[in-house]
Protein backbone atom coordinates (compact mmCIF):
# COMPACT_ATOMS: atom_id res chain seq x y z
CA MET A 1 107.80 49.81 -107.23
CA ASN A 2 110.19 47.26 -104.12
CA ILE A 3 108.65 49.29 -101.41
CA LYS A 4 110.10 48.34 -98.26
CA ARG A 5 109.03 49.66 -95.47
CA LEU A 6 105.49 51.85 -95.07
CA VAL A 7 104.50 54.46 -91.95
CA LEU A 8 100.83 54.98 -92.21
CA ASP A 9 98.55 57.31 -90.92
CA VAL A 10 95.88 55.11 -89.48
CA ASP A 11 92.65 55.85 -87.63
CA LYS A 12 90.27 53.09 -85.64
CA THR A 13 87.37 53.62 -83.21
CA THR A 14 88.09 53.04 -79.87
CA GLY A 15 86.17 49.85 -79.75
CA ARG A 16 86.92 47.65 -82.74
CA PRO A 17 89.22 46.86 -84.02
CA THR A 18 91.71 46.38 -81.17
CA LEU A 19 95.29 46.06 -82.07
CA VAL A 20 95.24 42.70 -81.66
CA GLU A 21 92.89 42.83 -84.52
CA LEU A 22 95.10 45.17 -86.83
CA ALA A 23 98.28 43.29 -86.36
CA GLN A 24 96.53 39.73 -87.24
CA ALA A 25 95.40 41.33 -90.33
CA ILE A 26 98.55 43.23 -91.41
CA GLU A 27 100.66 39.81 -90.14
CA PRO A 28 100.15 37.90 -93.77
CA ILE A 29 100.32 40.58 -95.79
CA LYS A 30 102.81 39.81 -98.83
CA GLY A 31 106.63 41.42 -98.70
CA ILE A 32 105.68 41.93 -94.67
CA GLU A 33 109.32 40.50 -92.33
CA GLY A 34 107.90 42.75 -89.68
CA PHE A 35 105.77 46.02 -88.53
CA ASN A 36 104.85 47.92 -85.19
CA ILE A 37 101.61 49.50 -84.44
CA ALA A 38 102.13 52.69 -81.95
CA VAL A 39 98.97 54.85 -80.65
CA THR A 40 99.22 58.42 -81.18
CA GLU A 41 96.71 60.29 -80.11
CA ILE A 42 93.35 59.06 -78.07
CA ASP A 43 90.05 61.05 -77.82
CA ALA A 44 87.00 59.92 -77.17
CA GLU A 45 85.69 58.55 -80.56
CA THR A 46 88.48 57.66 -82.30
CA VAL A 47 92.55 56.63 -81.60
CA GLY A 48 95.18 57.22 -83.77
CA THR A 49 97.67 55.01 -84.73
CA GLU A 50 101.26 55.38 -86.82
CA ILE A 51 102.03 51.40 -88.54
CA THR A 52 105.17 50.78 -89.62
CA VAL A 53 105.62 47.59 -91.62
CA GLU A 54 109.20 46.78 -93.44
CA GLY A 55 109.61 43.89 -95.80
CA ASP A 56 110.74 43.48 -99.51
CA ASP A 57 107.84 44.01 -102.22
CA ILE A 58 105.65 45.05 -99.96
CA ASP A 59 101.64 45.29 -101.28
CA TYR A 60 100.66 48.61 -100.78
CA LYS A 61 97.57 47.49 -101.91
CA GLN A 62 97.02 44.48 -100.28
CA LEU A 63 97.62 46.17 -96.79
CA VAL A 64 95.21 49.04 -97.34
CA ASP A 65 92.37 46.35 -98.14
CA GLN A 66 93.40 44.47 -94.78
CA ILE A 67 93.31 47.22 -92.65
CA GLU A 68 90.06 48.52 -94.06
CA SER A 69 88.37 45.57 -93.74
CA VAL A 70 88.96 45.16 -90.19
CA GLY A 71 87.27 48.84 -90.00
CA ALA A 72 89.91 51.10 -89.76
CA VAL A 73 90.78 54.03 -92.14
CA VAL A 74 94.02 54.42 -93.43
CA HIS A 75 94.27 58.27 -93.41
CA GLY A 76 97.81 58.69 -95.71
CA ILE A 77 101.42 57.81 -96.17
CA ASP A 78 103.86 59.21 -93.77
CA GLU A 79 106.62 57.77 -95.07
CA ILE A 80 108.14 55.63 -98.15
CA ALA A 81 111.12 53.40 -99.04
CA GLY A 82 112.06 51.76 -101.69
CA GLY A 83 114.34 50.52 -104.19
CA SER A 84 117.19 47.80 -104.16
CA LYS A 85 118.79 49.19 -100.50
CA LEU A 86 116.98 50.57 -97.29
CA ILE A 87 118.04 54.26 -97.28
CA GLU A 88 117.28 55.52 -93.33
CA ASN A 89 116.03 59.17 -92.91
CA VAL A 90 118.53 61.57 -91.93
CA GLN A 91 117.33 64.63 -89.66
CA ARG A 92 118.73 68.13 -91.80
CA LYS A 93 120.06 70.65 -89.22
CA ARG A 94 119.03 74.06 -89.06
């Protein structure tokens, strides 16, 4: 599958890895053209982040392996976009 965008729910400890270390682990992954790491929640021991990566034919396994190699934990996928064209998520009106 040609993965073009992934939004991951990732937790790390308050000390390590730093956001810079996490970014350095993500940057060289095959297929990633750009990424964003946003802090979503902080408590006494952990920092919740949302990591968004975009590109062409992103290697999901390598991405998870790299994130976990620096000491963070991937809890799940919040969004995935694939195919030959990137489609933006449209919010439904209720």
